[in-house]
Amino acid sequence: MNGGRKSHMRLPLELRPTNRRVEAFSDGVFAIVVTIMVLEIRIPDSLAFANDRAALMQFAGLLGTYALSFIVVAILWGSHHYLIYTLPKADRTTIWLNNNVLFWITLIPLVARFFGQHPMAPRAAGAWAFVIMMCTIALSLLRLHAHRVSHNELHKALHQRVFRKAFLAIAAYAATIPLAFYSMKLVWTCFLILPLLFILPVTRRPRDDSAAFREERAASEPQTSH
């Protein structure tokens, strides 16, 4: 056993497992999800020759829901991108937790179309909120794994900051499911406000130049020769 472990450690760097394939596959899935969502939108032919109010309202609902879903997918992709960077290696747990994230991501076009066709329907709003909530939970489980296996204190601190926002978002999306049957206006207000929690950066530099931060900064700076 020890001999096999030592032989693995002697492998060249380019032959050791990395997170590149995990990130590449995930980026492809995110791109396909966005493509499917935009392909679901059709401009009604009746708008080319007449003022069809019903067709215009239906198109506006699809377009508005697409814009909201696109912002959410973009936030999830950005969070996933930086999260993968903090994982030291692509172990089996990482792969399957990441697959869980992608499963829920691929359901977004399904509920986005349903919600876009019925933007004021409680069941459509509840279905959309449930999938976004599950995406956030799945990404939080992957982040929890990264926090557990990481030895970088700066990465752990960043994960802790995101956890606070993620827990708030999970609770809020869960609350909007029953709330949709009482007030769709409040639900839409929540849907528009919640993405703002994750647009603001969480990677601000610490005020104190600690040893862990100095080490992280030195590792990230490009090496130049004089």
Protein backbone atom coordinates (compact mmCIF):
# COMPACT_ATOMS: atom_id res chain seq x y z
CA MET A 1 0.00 0.00 0.00
CA ASN A 2 2.76 2.42 0.93
CA GLY A 3 4.66 1.52 -2.21
CA GLY A 4 1.62 2.32 -4.36
CA ARG A 5 1.16 5.62 -2.57
CA LYS A 6 4.80 6.54 -3.08
CA SER A 7 4.65 5.62 -6.75
CA HIS A 8 1.57 7.84 -7.14
CA MET A 9 3.44 10.71 -5.54
CA ARG A 10 6.32 10.19 -7.98
CA LEU A 11 4.05 10.66 -11.00
CA PRO A 12 4.81 13.70 -13.14
CA LEU A 13 2.65 16.72 -12.37
CA GLU A 14 0.86 16.54 -15.74
CA LEU A 15 -0.28 12.94 -15.00
CA ARG A 16 -1.79 13.62 -11.58
CA PRO A 17 -5.59 14.04 -11.29
CA THR A 18 -6.70 17.69 -11.40
CA ASN A 19 -9.94 19.62 -11.42
CA ARG A 20 -9.57 20.66 -15.07
CA ARG A 21 -11.91 18.01 -16.47
CA VAL A 22 -14.47 18.69 -13.75
CA GLU A 23 -14.44 22.39 -14.55
CA ALA A 24 -14.44 21.84 -18.33
CA PHE A 25 -17.40 19.46 -18.20
CA SER A 26 -19.29 21.77 -15.85
CA ASP A 27 -18.67 24.81 -18.07
CA GLY A 28 -20.10 22.86 -21.01
CA VAL A 29 -23.24 21.99 -19.04
CA PHE A 30 -23.73 25.61 -17.96
CA ALA A 31 -23.35 26.77 -21.57
CA ILE A 32 -25.88 24.21 -22.82
CA VAL A 33 -28.38 25.24 -20.12
CA VAL A 34 -28.22 28.90 -21.17
CA THR A 35 -28.52 27.92 -24.84
CA ILE A 36 -31.61 25.79 -24.19
CA MET A 37 -33.24 28.61 -22.23
CA VAL A 38 -32.83 31.19 -24.99
CA LEU A 39 -33.98 28.74 -27.68
CA GLU A 40 -37.26 28.34 -25.79
CA ILE A 41 -38.11 31.99 -26.53
CA ARG A 42 -40.08 32.67 -29.71
CA ILE A 43 -41.23 36.07 -30.92
CA PRO A 44 -44.91 35.63 -31.86
CA ASP A 45 -45.50 36.06 -35.59
CA SER A 46 -48.68 38.02 -34.87
CA LEU A 47 -46.61 40.91 -33.49
CA ALA A 48 -45.12 41.56 -36.93
CA PHE A 49 -48.38 42.80 -38.42
CA ALA A 50 -50.73 43.66 -35.55
CA ASN A 51 -50.92 44.81 -31.95
CA ASP A 52 -51.60 41.47 -30.32
CA ARG A 53 -51.65 42.33 -26.62
CA ALA A 54 -52.04 38.74 -25.47
CA ALA A 55 -49.07 37.59 -27.56
CA LEU A 56 -47.00 40.56 -26.34
CA MET A 57 -47.72 39.76 -22.69
CA GLN A 58 -46.81 36.12 -23.22
CA PHE A 59 -43.55 37.10 -24.93
CA ALA A 60 -42.76 39.57 -22.13
CA GLY A 61 -43.30 36.85 -19.54
CA LEU A 62 -40.94 34.47 -21.32
CA LEU A 63 -38.31 37.17 -21.81
CA GLY A 64 -38.49 38.38 -18.22
CA THR A 65 -38.24 34.88 -16.80
CA TYR A 66 -35.32 34.13 -19.12
CA ALA A 67 -33.49 37.25 -17.92
CA LEU A 68 -34.05 36.29 -14.29
CA SER A 69 -32.99 32.68 -14.90
CA PHE A 70 -29.93 33.81 -16.86
CA ILE A 71 -28.78 36.00 -13.95
CA VAL A 72 -29.24 33.10 -11.53
CA VAL A 73 -27.33 30.69 -13.80
CA ALA A 74 -24.55 33.27 -14.22
CA ILE A 75 -24.28 33.64 -10.43
CA LEU A 76 -24.21 29.87 -9.98
CA TRP A 77 -21.55 29.52 -12.68
CA GLY A 78 -19.36 32.23 -11.14
CA SER A 79 -19.67 30.70 -7.69
CA HIS A 80 -18.91 27.24 -9.11
CA HIS A 81 -15.88 28.57 -10.99
CA TYR A 82 -14.23 30.01 -7.89
CA LEU A 83 -15.30 27.04 -5.77
CA ILE A 84 -13.55 24.52 -8.04
CA TYR A 85 -10.39 26.60 -7.75
CA THR A 86 -10.34 26.07 -3.97
CA LEU A 87 -10.53 22.26 -4.21
CA PRO A 88 -7.08 20.69 -3.81
CA LYS A 89 -7.92 17.65 -5.99
CA ALA A 90 -10.70 15.97 -7.94
CA ASP A 91 -11.53 13.02 -5.70
CA ARG A 92 -14.59 10.79 -6.07
CA THR A 93 -16.62 12.83 -3.58
CA THR A 94 -15.90 16.00 -5.53
CA ILE A 95 -17.00 14.42 -8.80
CA TRP A 96 -20.33 13.15 -7.49
CA LEU A 97 -21.15 16.27 -5.52
CA ASN A 98 -20.42 18.22 -8.68
CA ASN A 99 -22.68 15.89 -10.67
CA ASN A 100 -25.43 16.62 -8.17
CA VAL A 101 -24.98 20.35 -8.83
CA LEU A 102 -25.17 19.82 -12.59
CA PHE A 103 -28.32 17.69 -12.29
CA TRP A 104 -30.25 20.51 -10.67
CA ILE A 105 -28.72 23.09 -13.03
CA THR A 106 -30.06 21.16 -16.03
CA LEU A 107 -33.60 21.40 -14.62
CA ILE A 108 -33.57 25.21 -14.78
CA PRO A 109 -34.61 25.43 -18.48
CA LEU A 110 -37.55 23.12 -17.74
CA VAL A 111 -39.00 25.24 -14.93
CA ALA A 112 -37.94 28.52 -16.59
CA ARG A 113 -40.14 27.77 -19.59
CA PHE A 114 -43.04 26.70 -17.35
CA PHE A 115 -42.66 29.85 -15.24
CA GLY A 116 -42.25 32.04 -18.32
CA GLN A 117 -45.50 30.81 -19.82
CA HIS A 118 -47.34 31.33 -16.51
CA PRO A 119 -45.47 34.14 -14.68
CA MET A 120 -48.31 34.77 -12.21
CA ALA A 121 -49.15 31.12 -11.49
CA PRO A 122 -48.30 29.96 -7.94
CA ARG A 123 -47.40 26.42 -9.02
CA ALA A 124 -45.07 27.67 -11.76
CA ALA A 125 -43.36 30.08 -9.36
CA GLY A 126 -43.09 27.35 -6.72
CA ALA A 127 -41.52 24.92 -9.20
CA TRP A 128 -38.95 27.54 -10.27
CA ALA A 129 -38.14 28.46 -6.66
CA PHE A 130 -37.77 24.79 -5.68
CA VAL A 131 -35.23 24.07 -8.44
CA ILE A 132 -33.19 27.22 -7.66
CA MET A 133 -33.27 26.29 -3.98
CA MET A 134 -31.99 22.79 -4.78
CA CYS A 135 -29.23 24.27 -6.97
CA THR A 136 -28.14 26.41 -4.03
CA ILE A 137 -28.25 23.44 -1.65
CA ALA A 138 -26.26 21.23 -4.05
CA LEU A 139 -23.62 23.93 -4.53
CA SER A 140 -23.45 24.43 -0.76
CA LEU A 141 -22.79 20.70 -0.26
CA LEU A 142 -19.91 20.92 -2.73
CA ARG A 143 -18.65 24.01 -0.93
CA LEU A 144 -18.90 22.21 2.41
CA HIS A 145 -16.70 19.45 1.00
CA ALA A 146 -14.20 22.03 -0.27
CA HIS A 147 -14.16 23.70 3.15
CA ARG A 148 -13.51 20.35 4.82
CA VAL A 149 -10.63 19.20 2.59
CA SER A 150 -8.94 22.55 2.04
CA HIS A 151 -5.87 23.47 4.08
CA ASN A 152 -5.88 27.09 2.90
CA GLU A 153 -7.18 29.38 5.64
CA LEU A 154 -8.07 32.14 3.17
CA HIS A 155 -10.22 29.73 1.16
CA LYS A 156 -11.93 28.54 4.33
CA ALA A 157 -12.73 32.12 5.31
CA LEU A 158 -14.22 32.80 1.88
CA HIS A 159 -16.36 29.67 2.12
CA GLN A 160 -17.68 30.82 5.49
CA ARG A 161 -18.75 34.16 4.00
CA VAL A 162 -20.61 32.48 1.15
CA PHE A 163 -22.28 29.99 3.52
CA ARG A 164 -24.06 32.85 5.30
CA LYS A 165 -25.55 34.15 2.07
CA ALA A 166 -26.38 30.67 0.79
CA PHE A 167 -28.31 29.73 3.94
CA LEU A 168 -30.29 32.96 3.70
CA ALA A 169 -31.08 32.30 0.03
CA ILE A 170 -32.14 28.70 0.72
CA ALA A 171 -34.51 29.82 3.46
CA ALA A 172 -35.91 32.63 1.28
CA TYR A 173 -36.53 30.41 -1.76
CA ALA A 174 -38.17 27.82 0.49
CA ALA A 175 -40.44 30.53 1.92
CA THR A 176 -41.51 31.74 -1.52
CA ILE A 177 -43.05 28.33 -2.37
CA PRO A 178 -46.00 28.63 0.06
CA LEU A 179 -45.94 32.42 -0.27
CA ALA A 180 -46.76 32.08 -3.99
CA PHE A 181 -50.27 30.91 -3.08
CA TYR A 182 -50.90 34.15 -1.16
CA SER A 183 -49.11 36.94 -3.05
CA MET A 184 -47.30 36.60 -6.37
CA LYS A 185 -46.21 40.23 -6.14
CA LEU A 186 -44.20 39.47 -2.99
CA VAL A 187 -42.76 36.36 -4.64
CA TRP A 188 -41.57 38.34 -7.66
CA THR A 189 -40.07 40.94 -5.31
CA CYS A 190 -38.12 38.18 -3.54
CA PHE A 191 -37.00 36.68 -6.86
CA LEU A 192 -35.62 40.07 -7.98
CA ILE A 193 -33.90 40.87 -4.67
CA LEU A 194 -32.28 37.51 -3.87
CA PRO A 195 -29.75 37.52 -6.76
CA LEU A 196 -28.38 40.82 -5.43
CA LEU A 197 -27.01 38.92 -2.42
CA PHE A 198 -24.50 37.13 -4.64
CA ILE A 199 -23.61 39.87 -7.10
CA LEU A 200 -21.58 41.71 -4.48
CA PRO A 201 -18.05 40.25 -4.19
CA VAL A 202 -17.00 38.19 -1.17
CA THR A 203 -13.29 38.08 -2.06
CA ARG A 204 -12.34 41.36 -0.40
CA ARG A 205 -8.83 41.53 0.94
CA PRO A 206 -8.49 41.19 4.68
CA ARG A 207 -7.45 44.39 6.43
CA ASP A 208 -4.61 42.71 8.26
CA ASP A 209 -1.82 41.30 6.11
CA SER A 210 -1.79 37.91 7.85
CA ALA A 211 0.69 35.14 7.09
CA ALA A 212 -1.97 33.06 5.32
CA PHE A 213 -2.96 36.00 3.12
CA ARG A 214 0.65 36.85 2.30
CA GLU A 215 1.25 33.24 1.29
CA GLU A 216 -1.87 33.21 -0.93
CA ARG A 217 -0.92 36.53 -2.54
CA ALA A 218 2.64 35.38 -3.23
CA ALA A 219 1.36 32.19 -4.86
CA SER A 220 -1.06 34.09 -7.11
CA GLU A 221 1.37 36.78 -8.31
CA PRO A 222 3.16 36.09 -11.60
CA GLN A 223 6.88 35.49 -11.38
CA THR A 224 8.97 38.03 -13.28
CA SER A 225 12.65 38.03 -14.04
CA HIS A 226 14.85 41.11 -13.92
